[in-house]
Every structure is written in C-alpha cells, then in structure tokens.
Amino acid sequence: MTFVAADCDLLGTAAESRCHASSPTTLSMTITPSRFQIWPSLGRLVALALLAGPLGAQGTPPGEDPVPAHDTFTIVSRALGEARSVNVHMPPGYHAPSVAHLPVLYMPDGGIDEDFPHVVHTVDSLIALGAIRPVIVVGIPNTERRRDLTGPTRVAADSAIAKRVGGSAAFRLFLRDELIPAVRARYRTTEERAIVGESLAGLFVLETFLAEPRLFDHYIALDPSVWWNGGALVDSAPARLTALDSAPRTLYLASSNVADITTGTARLAALLRTLPLRGLAWVYAPRPDLAHDTIFRGVGPAALARALR
C-alpha cells in the first residue's frame, strides 16, 4: 500500500480510472498563487525538476525505491489501544561528532511497504543538493489507516469505507503525548517539527494545522481529502484561522486534477488570502497536470524544500 493507492477507490468511478491509469506528466514546478519567491536560483530549480523526474519518476511504483537504513522501535500506545511500530531514518552524517540536534519530519503512511522509502530517498537527495537542511524522518506505518487519518463524519458514504473511521483525534494524541516524546528521548532532535501527508494523510495534516497548530512548525498537505464529511473541515476553517496565533509556521497546500479535492483546497486558499495571518507563510500549488497518484512525486520535492530549506 502507498500514499496514493490506498485511496484510489475513494475517488469515484471517473477519478478512480484516472488514478490507476494516469501517465507521467510534466515536470513543471510552477506554483500559483504564492506569497513567496520559492527559489532564489535557476540552478536549484533545475535540480528539483530533475529530482521530480529521474530520481522520483512519476508513476514509478514506490517499491522500486530501495529500503533505506533505518531504526524500528515499538510504542505500546494507550491513546490508540495497540502497539505501533515506528521507522526512523537518520540523515547521512548524523553520527558525526560535529552534528548536534536536527529537526524531524513526521509522516503517516510511513511503512517500509508504504511511502517511507520514497520520502527518505527524496529527503536525502534534497540534502545532497543543498536544498534542505539535514532532517530526521519518522515514518508511522498504518494499522487502520482510515480510522486514524479521518475525523468524525455524518456522511454515510464516508463511514462505509472502513469498519472504523473518525479516529484522528486519538491519532493526534498518540503523536503529541507518545510518539514525539519517544523520538525526542531516543534521538538528538530540536523542537522544530514538520509533517507531510497525501490524500487522507493530507486531510489529517490539514486537520492538525487547524485544530492543533502548535504541534508542528511545518505542514505539507498534498491532495488532501477535503471532501470528507461533506467538506466540513474547510467550512470550519474561518473561525479556526481567525484564532490562529502569530507563531512562525508554514503551510504547503497542493492539489491535483481531482475535482472534489481541487474545489476544497481552492476554497481554503481563497480564505487564506483574505486573512491577515501574522507568522504563517503559506503556499498553494494547484497542479491540474498531475493526477492523484502522481501528485506526491511531482510536488513532494518542492514542498519539502519549501518547508525545510
């Protein structure tokens, strides 16, 4: 299972066909609208375009990325009522005496047979290019993906996708009270944290940004399933954003050609443009040239570089 394959069956007949049958797409790194000049040099832009292509070819099965060196440990979670495995990759040079403490990138869908190998490969490639700082990657493999990554819903079709849904609050509690302290105790980390997710994981990233913005400093939501619960998360955004404090944080929001995702993310971006959000640096990257199963590899390098540069 990967970030994208797990949710192709949730897109409806037409979109599902595009999700499974999409072909490689353009390597364009255009981001509009944006409040930032993302890259100060053309050379770095070209390097990232190459990373989105040969180093992470769109449409290439995630299993083709080699399994990176990593640690695995287990947390017996009270919040979730189960044992959870955790995969941790330290960047090259982590054990050198000169390396002090490093920021941490957390990722749901972080199993070895999910997107952990590809994300680690992308992160290490960006470090080698000088596009981002060294960062520790923490992957959280799934047990019940659709339970952990979704909030409550009143929509019957949402509830029908799995035996249990609506457990995002408990999963967030696991991250805050169990996983983050465990990582802090085991590794040399700073208090700077990022989280990246696509599809339902992107929904969880956005929900966390709106519900508990202090939990992470950088939020990357790629093709988030904002259609969940009839789009209620986006509906709740005005009040939540108005209450947002001025602490520095970033949000990278991207969408593909899936209509019910594009509509919701565009609504959220339009709202962000109207609010004087001190401290929040945000980017909205609509990518209609990409499909649901190519958005991560097509946009991921630029999104990670924007957050962790």
C-alpha atoms as a PDB file:
ATOM      1  CA  MET A   1       0.000   0.000   0.000  1.00  0.00           C
ATOM      2  CA  THR A   2       1.182   3.515  -0.751  1.00  0.00           C
ATOM      3  CA  PHE A   3       0.045   7.030  -0.037  1.00  0.00           C
ATOM      4  CA  VAL A   4      -1.987   7.084  -3.193  1.00  0.00           C
ATOM      5  CA  ALA A   5      -3.054   3.555  -3.997  1.00  0.00           C
ATOM      6  CA  ALA A   6      -4.878   3.250  -0.697  1.00  0.00           C
ATOM      7  CA  ASP A   7      -7.316   5.971  -1.697  1.00  0.00           C
ATOM      8  CA  CYS A   8      -7.842   5.443  -5.429  1.00  0.00           C
ATOM      9  CA  ASP A   9     -11.007   3.518  -4.598  1.00  0.00           C
ATOM     10  CA  LEU A  10     -12.424   6.546  -2.760  1.00  0.00           C
ATOM     11  CA  LEU A  11     -12.424   8.896  -5.720  1.00  0.00           C
ATOM     12  CA  GLY A  12     -15.456   7.731  -7.681  1.00  0.00           C
ATOM     13  CA  THR A  13     -15.516   5.871 -10.965  1.00  0.00           C
ATOM     14  CA  ALA A  14     -14.101   8.516 -13.308  1.00  0.00           C
ATOM     15  CA  ALA A  15     -11.423   9.763 -10.946  1.00  0.00           C
ATOM     16  CA  GLU A  16     -10.524   6.205  -9.954  1.00  0.00           C
ATOM     17  CA  SER A  17      -9.856   5.385 -13.577  1.00  0.00           C
ATOM     18  CA  ARG A  18      -7.556   8.396 -13.867  1.00  0.00           C
ATOM     19  CA  CYS A  19      -5.876   7.452 -10.588  1.00  0.00           C
ATOM     20  CA  HIS A  20      -4.966   3.969 -11.740  1.00  0.00           C
ATOM     21  CA  ALA A  21      -4.308   4.725 -15.390  1.00  0.00           C
ATOM     22  CA  SER A  22      -2.563   8.086 -15.300  1.00  0.00           C
ATOM     23  CA  SER A  23       0.654   8.519 -17.262  1.00  0.00           C
ATOM     24  CA  PRO A  24       3.808  10.504 -16.434  1.00  0.00           C
ATOM     25  CA  THR A  25       3.196  14.229 -16.535  1.00  0.00           C
ATOM     26  CA  THR A  26       5.120  17.454 -16.945  1.00  0.00           C
ATOM     27  CA  LEU A  27       7.977  18.355 -14.647  1.00  0.00           C
ATOM     28  CA  SER A  28       6.835  21.973 -14.413  1.00  0.00           C
ATOM     29  CA  MET A  29       7.450  23.428 -10.958  1.00  0.00           C
ATOM     30  CA  THR A  30       5.076  26.386 -11.398  1.00  0.00           C
ATOM     31  CA  ILE A  31       3.393  27.406  -8.149  1.00  0.00           C
ATOM     32  CA  THR A  32       0.474  29.828  -8.251  1.00  0.00           C
ATOM     33  CA  PRO A  33      -0.708  31.669  -6.362  1.00  0.00           C
ATOM     34  CA  SER A  34       2.183  32.175  -3.946  1.00  0.00           C
ATOM     35  CA  ARG A  35       3.310  34.756  -1.432  1.00  0.00           C
ATOM     36  CA  PHE A  36       6.911  33.746  -1.915  1.00  0.00           C
ATOM     37  CA  GLN A  37       9.653  33.539  -4.447  1.00  0.00           C
ATOM     38  CA  ILE A  38      10.360  29.869  -3.772  1.00  0.00           C
ATOM     39  CA  TRP A  39      13.778  29.541  -5.401  1.00  0.00           C
ATOM     40  CA  PRO A  40      16.485  32.175  -5.402  1.00  0.00           C
ATOM     41  CA  SER A  41      18.409  30.493  -8.215  1.00  0.00           C
ATOM     42  CA  LEU A  42      17.583  28.796 -11.500  1.00  0.00           C
ATOM     43  CA  GLY A  43      20.179  26.118 -10.785  1.00  0.00           C
ATOM     44  CA  ARG A  44      18.326  24.909  -7.731  1.00  0.00           C
ATOM     45  CA  LEU A  45      15.029  24.939  -9.613  1.00  0.00           C
ATOM     46  CA  VAL A  46      16.530  22.736 -12.323  1.00  0.00           C
ATOM     47  CA  ALA A  47      17.922  20.380  -9.683  1.00  0.00           C
ATOM     48  CA  LEU A  48      14.487  19.980  -8.128  1.00  0.00           C
ATOM     49  CA  ALA A  49      12.895  19.388 -11.521  1.00  0.00           C
ATOM     50  CA  LEU A  50      15.400  16.585 -12.060  1.00  0.00           C
ATOM     51  CA  LEU A  51      14.580  15.193  -8.634  1.00  0.00           C
ATOM     52  CA  ALA A  52      10.903  15.073  -9.522  1.00  0.00           C
ATOM     53  CA  GLY A  53      11.812  13.157 -12.666  1.00  0.00           C
ATOM     54  CA  PRO A  54      14.630  10.604 -12.836  1.00  0.00           C
ATOM     55  CA  LEU A  55      15.180  10.397  -9.070  1.00  0.00           C
ATOM     56  CA  GLY A  56      11.495  10.043  -8.338  1.00  0.00           C
ATOM     57  CA  ALA A  57       9.864   9.227 -11.654  1.00  0.00           C
ATOM     58  CA  GLN A  58       6.146   9.903 -11.569  1.00  0.00           C
ATOM     59  CA  GLY A  59       4.151   6.737 -11.914  1.00  0.00           C
ATOM     60  CA  THR A  60       7.057   4.577 -10.697  1.00  0.00           C
ATOM     61  CA  PRO A  61       5.880   2.065  -8.067  1.00  0.00           C
ATOM     62  CA  PRO A  62       7.137   3.075  -4.609  1.00  0.00           C
ATOM     63  CA  GLY A  63       8.600  -0.408  -4.175  1.00  0.00           C
ATOM     64  CA  GLU A  64      11.342   0.500  -6.649  1.00  0.00           C
ATOM     65  CA  ASP A  65      12.874   2.836  -4.082  1.00  0.00           C
ATOM     66  CA  PRO A  66      15.421   0.849  -2.056  1.00  0.00           C
ATOM     67  CA  VAL A  67      14.662   0.370   1.617  1.00  0.00           C
ATOM     68  CA  PRO A  68      16.837   2.934   3.411  1.00  0.00           C
ATOM     69  CA  ALA A  69      18.889   2.378   6.525  1.00  0.00           C
ATOM     70  CA  HIS A  70      16.595   2.906   9.473  1.00  0.00           C
ATOM     71  CA  ASP A  71      15.778   2.054  13.057  1.00  0.00           C
ATOM     72  CA  THR A  72      12.474   0.489  14.087  1.00  0.00           C
ATOM     73  CA  PHE A  73      11.002   0.608  17.564  1.00  0.00           C
ATOM     74  CA  THR A  74       7.573  -0.078  19.053  1.00  0.00           C
ATOM     75  CA  ILE A  75       5.320   2.046  21.242  1.00  0.00           C
ATOM     76  CA  VAL A  76       2.535   0.374  23.205  1.00  0.00           C
ATOM     77  CA  SER A  77       0.051   3.190  22.763  1.00  0.00           C
ATOM     78  CA  ARG A  78      -2.528   3.989  25.408  1.00  0.00           C
ATOM     79  CA  ALA A  79      -4.084   6.587  23.122  1.00  0.00           C
ATOM     80  CA  LEU A  80      -4.716   4.028  20.364  1.00  0.00           C
ATOM     81  CA  GLY A  81      -5.012   0.899  22.477  1.00  0.00           C
ATOM     82  CA  GLU A  82      -2.473  -1.022  20.402  1.00  0.00           C
ATOM     83  CA  ALA A  83       1.232  -1.434  19.724  1.00  0.00           C
ATOM     84  CA  ARG A  84       2.571   0.813  16.951  1.00  0.00           C
ATOM     85  CA  SER A  85       5.804   0.359  15.036  1.00  0.00           C
ATOM     86  CA  VAL A  86       7.870   3.416  14.160  1.00  0.00           C
ATOM     87  CA  ASN A  87      10.546   3.718  11.448  1.00  0.00           C
ATOM     88  CA  VAL A  88      13.305   6.313  11.865  1.00  0.00           C
ATOM     89  CA  HIS A  89      15.915   7.339   9.307  1.00  0.00           C
ATOM     90  CA  MET A  90      18.875   9.483  10.319  1.00  0.00           C
ATOM     91  CA  PRO A  91      20.444  11.577   7.563  1.00  0.00           C
ATOM     92  CA  PRO A  92      23.993  10.962   6.344  1.00  0.00           C
ATOM     93  CA  GLY A  93      26.464  12.288   8.887  1.00  0.00           C
ATOM     94  CA  TYR A  94      24.065  12.076  11.840  1.00  0.00           C
ATOM     95  CA  HIS A  95      26.624  10.164  13.902  1.00  0.00           C
ATOM     96  CA  ALA A  96      29.471  12.595  13.149  1.00  0.00           C
ATOM     97  CA  PRO A  97      30.731  14.399  16.268  1.00  0.00           C
ATOM     98  CA  SER A  98      30.062  17.766  14.646  1.00  0.00           C
ATOM     99  CA  VAL A  99      26.326  17.084  14.167  1.00  0.00           C
ATOM    100  CA  ALA A 100      24.260  18.428  17.036  1.00  0.00           C
ATOM    101  CA  HIS A 101      20.459  18.316  17.079  1.00  0.00           C
ATOM    102  CA  LEU A 102      18.251  18.084  13.986  1.00  0.00           C
ATOM    103  CA  PRO A 103      14.634  18.873  13.048  1.00  0.00           C
ATOM    104  CA  VAL A 104      12.228  15.989  12.491  1.00  0.00           C
ATOM    105  CA  LEU A 105       9.878  15.225   9.600  1.00  0.00           C
ATOM    106  CA  TYR A 106       6.932  13.027  10.607  1.00  0.00           C
ATOM    107  CA  MET A 107       4.949  11.087   8.028  1.00  0.00           C
ATOM    108  CA  PRO A 108       1.820   8.950   8.302  1.00  0.00           C
ATOM    109  CA  ASP A 109       1.785   6.120   5.735  1.00  0.00           C
ATOM    110  CA  GLY A 110       5.346   5.546   6.918  1.00  0.00           C
ATOM    111  CA  GLY A 111       5.719   1.800   6.484  1.00  0.00           C
ATOM    112  CA  ILE A 112       8.527   0.106   4.598  1.00  0.00           C
ATOM    113  CA  ASP A 113       5.891  -1.159   2.132  1.00  0.00           C
ATOM    114  CA  GLU A 114       4.284   2.283   2.022  1.00  0.00           C
ATOM    115  CA  ASP A 115       5.979   5.605   1.193  1.00  0.00           C
ATOM    116  CA  PHE A 116       8.758   5.656   3.782  1.00  0.00           C
ATOM    117  CA  PRO A 117      11.467   4.540   1.286  1.00  0.00           C
ATOM    118  CA  HIS A 118      10.460   7.144  -1.299  1.00  0.00           C
ATOM    119  CA  VAL A 119      10.187  10.021   1.166  1.00  0.00           C
ATOM    120  CA  VAL A 120      13.548   9.170   2.736  1.00  0.00           C
ATOM    121  CA  HIS A 121      15.119   8.951  -0.722  1.00  0.00           C
ATOM    122  CA  THR A 122      13.658  12.349  -1.623  1.00  0.00           C
ATOM    123  CA  VAL A 123      14.793  13.927   1.639  1.00  0.00           C
ATOM    124  CA  ASP A 124      18.339  12.565   1.362  1.00  0.00           C
ATOM    125  CA  SER A 125      18.521  13.726  -2.277  1.00  0.00           C
ATOM    126  CA  LEU A 126      17.418  17.222  -1.271  1.00  0.00           C
ATOM    127  CA  ILE A 127      20.028  17.274   1.499  1.00  0.00           C
ATOM    128  CA  ALA A 128      22.701  16.249  -1.018  1.00  0.00           C
ATOM    129  CA  LEU A 129      21.555  19.049  -3.359  1.00  0.00           C
ATOM    130  CA  GLY A 130      21.790  21.581  -0.544  1.00  0.00           C
ATOM    131  CA  ALA A 131      18.087  22.352  -0.949  1.00  0.00           C
ATOM    132  CA  ILE A 132      17.215  21.474   2.669  1.00  0.00           C
ATOM    133  CA  ARG A 133      18.944  21.078   5.999  1.00  0.00           C
ATOM    134  CA  PRO A 134      19.666  17.598   7.364  1.00  0.00           C
ATOM    135  CA  VAL A 135      16.487  16.197   8.910  1.00  0.00           C
ATOM    136  CA  ILE A 136      15.417  13.031  10.708  1.00  0.00           C
ATOM    137  CA  VAL A 137      12.487  11.210   9.071  1.00  0.00           C
ATOM    138  CA  VAL A 138       9.978   9.399  11.280  1.00  0.00           C
ATOM    139  CA  GLY A 139       7.544   7.089   9.492  1.00  0.00           C
ATOM    140  CA  ILE A 140       4.383   5.754  11.124  1.00  0.00           C
ATOM    141  CA  PRO A 141       3.195   2.533   9.453  1.00  0.00           C
ATOM    142  CA  ASN A 142      -0.549   2.036   9.206  1.00  0.00           C
ATOM    143  CA  THR A 143      -2.663  -0.393  11.162  1.00  0.00           C
ATOM    144  CA  GLU A 144      -6.117   1.070  10.457  1.00  0.00           C
ATOM    145  CA  ARG A 145      -5.386   3.914   8.069  1.00  0.00           C
ATOM    146  CA  ARG A 146      -8.942   5.129   7.520  1.00  0.00           C
ATOM    147  CA  ARG A 147      -9.622   5.108  11.249  1.00  0.00           C
ATOM    148  CA  ASP A 148      -6.524   7.100  12.201  1.00  0.00           C
ATOM    149  CA  LEU A 149      -6.495   9.718   9.451  1.00  0.00           C
ATOM    150  CA  THR A 150     -10.171  10.775   9.395  1.00  0.00           C
ATOM    151  CA  GLY A 151     -12.289  12.847  11.711  1.00  0.00           C
ATOM    152  CA  PRO A 152     -15.917  12.178  12.578  1.00  0.00           C
ATOM    153  CA  THR A 153     -18.367  12.247   9.678  1.00  0.00           C
ATOM    154  CA  ARG A 154     -22.107  12.456   9.171  1.00  0.00           C
ATOM    155  CA  VAL A 155     -21.873  11.238   5.577  1.00  0.00           C
ATOM    156  CA  ALA A 156     -22.927   7.613   5.194  1.00  0.00           C
ATOM    157  CA  ALA A 157     -20.651   7.024   2.209  1.00  0.00           C
ATOM    158  CA  ASP A 158     -17.658   8.110   4.299  1.00  0.00           C
ATOM    159  CA  SER A 159     -18.499   5.693   7.093  1.00  0.00           C
ATOM    160  CA  ALA A 160     -18.835   2.854   4.587  1.00  0.00           C
ATOM    161  CA  ILE A 161     -15.160   2.900   3.549  1.00  0.00           C
ATOM    162  CA  ALA A 162     -13.968   1.013   6.633  1.00  0.00           C
ATOM    163  CA  LYS A 163     -15.229  -0.700   9.762  1.00  0.00           C
ATOM    164  CA  ARG A 164     -13.960   2.191  11.847  1.00  0.00           C
ATOM    165  CA  VAL A 165     -13.421   5.835  10.883  1.00  0.00           C
ATOM    166  CA  GLY A 166     -13.178   9.111  12.758  1.00  0.00           C
ATOM    167  CA  GLY A 167     -10.158   8.389  14.956  1.00  0.00           C
ATOM    168  CA  SER A 168      -7.943  11.342  14.020  1.00  0.00           C
ATOM    169  CA  ALA A 169      -8.137  12.950  17.481  1.00  0.00           C
ATOM    170  CA  ALA A 170      -6.791   9.777  19.107  1.00  0.00           C
ATOM    171  CA  PHE A 171      -4.058   9.500  16.477  1.00  0.00           C
ATOM    172  CA  ARG A 172      -3.064  13.110  17.121  1.00  0.00           C
ATOM    173  CA  LEU A 173      -2.955  12.349  20.854  1.00  0.00           C
ATOM    174  CA  PHE A 174      -0.629   9.443  20.076  1.00  0.00           C
ATOM    175  CA  LEU A 175       1.668  11.777  18.152  1.00  0.00           C
ATOM    176  CA  ARG A 176       1.680  14.514  20.781  1.00  0.00           C
ATOM    177  CA  ASP A 177       1.882  12.515  24.012  1.00  0.00           C
ATOM    178  CA  GLU A 178       3.642   9.313  22.969  1.00  0.00           C
ATOM    179  CA  LEU A 179       5.492   9.388  19.656  1.00  0.00           C
ATOM    180  CA  ILE A 180       7.088  12.851  19.755  1.00  0.00           C
ATOM    181  CA  PRO A 181       8.396  12.373  23.327  1.00  0.00           C
ATOM    182  CA  ALA A 182       9.728   8.914  22.385  1.00  0.00           C
ATOM    183  CA  VAL A 183      11.597  10.303  19.382  1.00  0.00           C
ATOM    184  CA  ARG A 184      12.941  13.173  21.482  1.00  0.00           C
ATOM    185  CA  ALA A 185      14.243  10.702  24.077  1.00  0.00           C
ATOM    186  CA  ARG A 186      15.949   8.432  21.534  1.00  0.00           C
ATOM    187  CA  TYR A 187      17.448  10.904  19.051  1.00  0.00           C
ATOM    188  CA  ARG A 188      19.177  14.274  19.001  1.00  0.00           C
ATOM    189  CA  THR A 189      16.286  16.451  17.920  1.00  0.00           C
ATOM    190  CA  THR A 190      15.443  20.115  18.003  1.00  0.00           C
ATOM    191  CA  GLU A 191      11.913  21.262  18.772  1.00  0.00           C
ATOM    192  CA  GLU A 192      11.353  22.053  15.071  1.00  0.00           C
ATOM    193  CA  ARG A 193       8.908  19.560  13.560  1.00  0.00           C
ATOM    194  CA  ALA A 194       7.276  19.053  10.160  1.00  0.00           C
ATOM    195  CA  ILE A 195       4.560  16.697   8.949  1.00  0.00           C
ATOM    196  CA  VAL A 196       3.792  15.567   5.410  1.00  0.00           C
ATOM    197  CA  GLY A 197       0.831  13.619   4.075  1.00  0.00           C
ATOM    198  CA  GLU A 198      -1.128  12.939   0.908  1.00  0.00           C
ATOM    199  CA  SER A 199      -4.812  12.114   0.370  1.00  0.00           C
ATOM    200  CA  LEU A 200      -6.317  11.007   3.708  1.00  0.00           C
ATOM    201  CA  ALA A 201      -2.955  11.690   5.333  1.00  0.00           C
ATOM    202  CA  GLY A 202      -3.125  15.172   3.806  1.00  0.00           C
ATOM    203  CA  LEU A 203      -6.575  15.558   5.370  1.00  0.00           C
ATOM    204  CA  PHE A 204      -5.040  14.687   8.738  1.00  0.00           C
ATOM    205  CA  VAL A 205      -2.240  17.211   8.178  1.00  0.00           C
ATOM    206  CA  LEU A 206      -4.759  19.976   7.445  1.00  0.00           C
ATOM    207  CA  GLU A 207      -6.978  18.998  10.356  1.00  0.00           C
ATOM    208  CA  THR A 208      -3.988  19.117  12.690  1.00  0.00           C
ATOM    209  CA  PHE A 209      -2.940  22.510  11.320  1.00  0.00           C
ATOM    210  CA  LEU A 210      -6.408  23.882  12.068  1.00  0.00           C
ATOM    211  CA  ALA A 211      -7.116  22.008  15.314  1.00  0.00           C
ATOM    212  CA  GLU A 212      -3.693  21.997  16.990  1.00  0.00           C
ATOM    213  CA  PRO A 213      -1.373  24.286  15.021  1.00  0.00           C
ATOM    214  CA  ARG A 214       1.346  24.340  17.695  1.00  0.00           C
ATOM    215  CA  LEU A 215       2.025  20.619  17.306  1.00  0.00           C
ATOM    216  CA  PHE A 216       4.175  21.176  14.186  1.00  0.00           C
ATOM    217  CA  ASP A 217       6.045  24.077  12.639  1.00  0.00           C
ATOM    218  CA  HIS A 218       5.659  22.978   9.013  1.00  0.00           C
ATOM    219  CA  TYR A 219       2.591  21.399   7.410  1.00  0.00           C
ATOM    220  CA  ILE A 220       2.636  19.785   3.958  1.00  0.00           C
ATOM    221  CA  ALA A 221      -0.775  18.629   2.684  1.00  0.00           C
ATOM    222  CA  LEU A 222      -0.729  17.139  -0.829  1.00  0.00           C
ATOM    223  CA  ASP A 223      -4.107  16.440  -2.464  1.00  0.00           C
ATOM    224  CA  PRO A 224      -5.835  16.328   0.926  1.00  0.00           C
ATOM    225  CA  SER A 225      -9.199  14.546   1.004  1.00  0.00           C
ATOM    226  CA  VAL A 226     -11.096  17.681   1.962  1.00  0.00           C
ATOM    227  CA  TRP A 227     -14.308  16.169   0.599  1.00  0.00           C
ATOM    228  CA  TRP A 228     -14.509  14.161   3.842  1.00  0.00           C
ATOM    229  CA  ASN A 229     -17.668  14.855   5.870  1.00  0.00           C
ATOM    230  CA  GLY A 230     -19.061  16.998   3.086  1.00  0.00           C
ATOM    231  CA  GLY A 231     -16.139  19.426   3.225  1.00  0.00           C
ATOM    232  CA  ALA A 232     -16.751  20.270   6.889  1.00  0.00           C
ATOM    233  CA  LEU A 233     -13.057  20.826   7.626  1.00  0.00           C
ATOM    234  CA  VAL A 234     -12.821  23.683   5.132  1.00  0.00           C
ATOM    235  CA  ASP A 235     -16.161  25.019   6.406  1.00  0.00           C
ATOM    236  CA  SER A 236     -14.641  25.215   9.893  1.00  0.00           C
ATOM    237  CA  ALA A 237     -11.506  26.994   8.715  1.00  0.00           C
ATOM    238  CA  PRO A 238     -12.619  30.665   9.034  1.00  0.00           C
ATOM    239  CA  ALA A 239     -13.166  30.504  12.778  1.00  0.00           C
ATOM    240  CA  ARG A 240     -10.068  28.395  13.380  1.00  0.00           C
ATOM    241  CA  LEU A 241      -7.791  30.584  11.284  1.00  0.00           C
ATOM    242  CA  THR A 242      -9.083  33.727  12.952  1.00  0.00           C
ATOM    243  CA  ALA A 243      -7.948  32.245  16.262  1.00  0.00           C
ATOM    244  CA  LEU A 244      -4.505  31.279  14.926  1.00  0.00           C
ATOM    245  CA  ASP A 245      -1.648  32.741  16.935  1.00  0.00           C
ATOM    246  CA  SER A 246       1.277  34.593  15.369  1.00  0.00           C
ATOM    247  CA  ALA A 247       3.931  31.936  15.960  1.00  0.00           C
ATOM    248  CA  PRO A 248       6.036  31.317  12.845  1.00  0.00           C
ATOM    249  CA  ARG A 249       4.892  28.272  10.855  1.00  0.00           C
ATOM    250  CA  THR A 250       4.485  27.208   7.232  1.00  0.00           C
ATOM    251  CA  LEU A 251       1.756  25.521   5.220  1.00  0.00           C
ATOM    252  CA  TYR A 252       2.213  23.970   1.772  1.00  0.00           C
ATOM    253  CA  LEU A 253      -1.064  23.011   0.109  1.00  0.00           C
ATOM    254  CA  ALA A 254      -1.195  21.280  -3.288  1.00  0.00           C
ATOM    255  CA  SER A 255      -3.963  19.725  -5.362  1.00  0.00           C
ATOM    256  CA  SER A 256      -4.155  17.522  -8.457  1.00  0.00           C
ATOM    257  CA  ASN A 257      -6.862  17.186 -11.112  1.00  0.00           C
ATOM    258  CA  VAL A 258      -9.414  15.559  -8.760  1.00  0.00           C
ATOM    259  CA  ALA A 259     -12.396  17.908  -8.764  1.00  0.00           C
ATOM    260  CA  ASP A 260     -13.703  17.446  -5.215  1.00  0.00           C
ATOM    261  CA  ILE A 261     -10.203  17.960  -3.835  1.00  0.00           C
ATOM    262  CA  THR A 262      -9.406  20.939  -6.046  1.00  0.00           C
ATOM    263  CA  THR A 263     -12.640  22.694  -5.089  1.00  0.00           C
ATOM    264  CA  GLY A 264     -11.981  22.404  -1.371  1.00  0.00           C
ATOM    265  CA  THR A 265      -8.305  23.341  -1.486  1.00  0.00           C
ATOM    266  CA  ALA A 266      -9.087  26.359  -3.695  1.00  0.00           C
ATOM    267  CA  ARG A 267     -11.697  27.479  -1.162  1.00  0.00           C
ATOM    268  CA  LEU A 268      -9.156  27.224   1.628  1.00  0.00           C
ATOM    269  CA  ALA A 269      -6.530  29.121  -0.360  1.00  0.00           C
ATOM    270  CA  ALA A 270      -9.047  31.879  -1.146  1.00  0.00           C
ATOM    271  CA  LEU A 271      -9.773  32.180   2.562  1.00  0.00           C
ATOM    272  CA  LEU A 272      -6.075  32.331   3.448  1.00  0.00           C
ATOM    273  CA  ARG A 273      -5.626  35.230   1.015  1.00  0.00           C
ATOM    274  CA  THR A 274      -8.285  37.272   2.807  1.00  0.00           C
ATOM    275  CA  LEU A 275      -6.902  36.933   6.335  1.00  0.00           C
ATOM    276  CA  PRO A 276      -4.015  38.862   7.919  1.00  0.00           C
ATOM    277  CA  LEU A 277      -2.268  35.792   9.286  1.00  0.00           C
ATOM    278  CA  ARG A 278       0.851  37.012  11.025  1.00  0.00           C
ATOM    279  CA  GLY A 279       3.528  34.359  11.301  1.00  0.00           C
ATOM    280  CA  LEU A 280       2.049  31.982   8.713  1.00  0.00           C
ATOM    281  CA  ALA A 281       3.983  31.554   5.471  1.00  0.00           C
ATOM    282  CA  TRP A 282       1.812  29.590   3.058  1.00  0.00           C
ATOM    283  CA  VAL A 283       1.897  28.303  -0.495  1.00  0.00           C
ATOM    284  CA  TYR A 284      -0.946  26.985  -2.610  1.00  0.00           C
ATOM    285  CA  ALA A 285       0.108  24.891  -5.618  1.00  0.00           C
ATOM    286  CA  PRO A 286      -2.777  23.819  -7.859  1.00  0.00           C
ATOM    287  CA  ARG A 287      -1.451  21.195 -10.275  1.00  0.00           C
ATOM    288  CA  PRO A 288      -4.188  20.124 -12.723  1.00  0.00           C
ATOM    289  CA  ASP A 289      -1.445  18.498 -14.830  1.00  0.00           C
ATOM    290  CA  LEU A 290      -0.971  15.909 -12.070  1.00  0.00           C
ATOM    291  CA  ALA A 291      -3.234  13.042 -11.012  1.00  0.00           C
ATOM    292  CA  HIS A 292      -3.921  11.722  -7.533  1.00  0.00           C
ATOM    293  CA  ASP A 293      -1.256   9.053  -7.889  1.00  0.00           C
ATOM    294  CA  THR A 294       1.430  11.385  -9.252  1.00  0.00           C
ATOM    295  CA  ILE A 295       0.969  14.430  -7.021  1.00  0.00           C
ATOM    296  CA  PHE A 296       3.352  13.233  -4.318  1.00  0.00           C
ATOM    297  CA  ARG A 297       6.264  12.518  -6.602  1.00  0.00           C
ATOM    298  CA  GLY A 298       5.514  15.541  -8.763  1.00  0.00           C
ATOM    299  CA  VAL A 299       5.220  18.133  -5.990  1.00  0.00           C
ATOM    300  CA  GLY A 300       6.849  16.492  -2.965  1.00  0.00           C
ATOM    301  CA  PRO A 301      10.431  17.674  -3.593  1.00  0.00           C
ATOM    302  CA  ALA A 302       9.418  21.334  -3.906  1.00  0.00           C
ATOM    303  CA  ALA A 303       7.085  21.091  -0.912  1.00  0.00           C
ATOM    304  CA  LEU A 304       9.744  19.537   1.323  1.00  0.00           C
ATOM    305  CA  ALA A 305      12.318  22.053   0.148  1.00  0.00           C
ATOM    306  CA  ARG A 306       9.991  24.951   0.916  1.00  0.00           C
ATOM    307  CA  ALA A 307       9.400  23.701   4.464  1.00  0.00           C
ATOM    308  CA  LEU A 308      12.888  22.543   5.373  1.00  0.00           C
ATOM    309  CA  ARG A 309      15.224  24.841   3.448  1.00  0.00           C
END
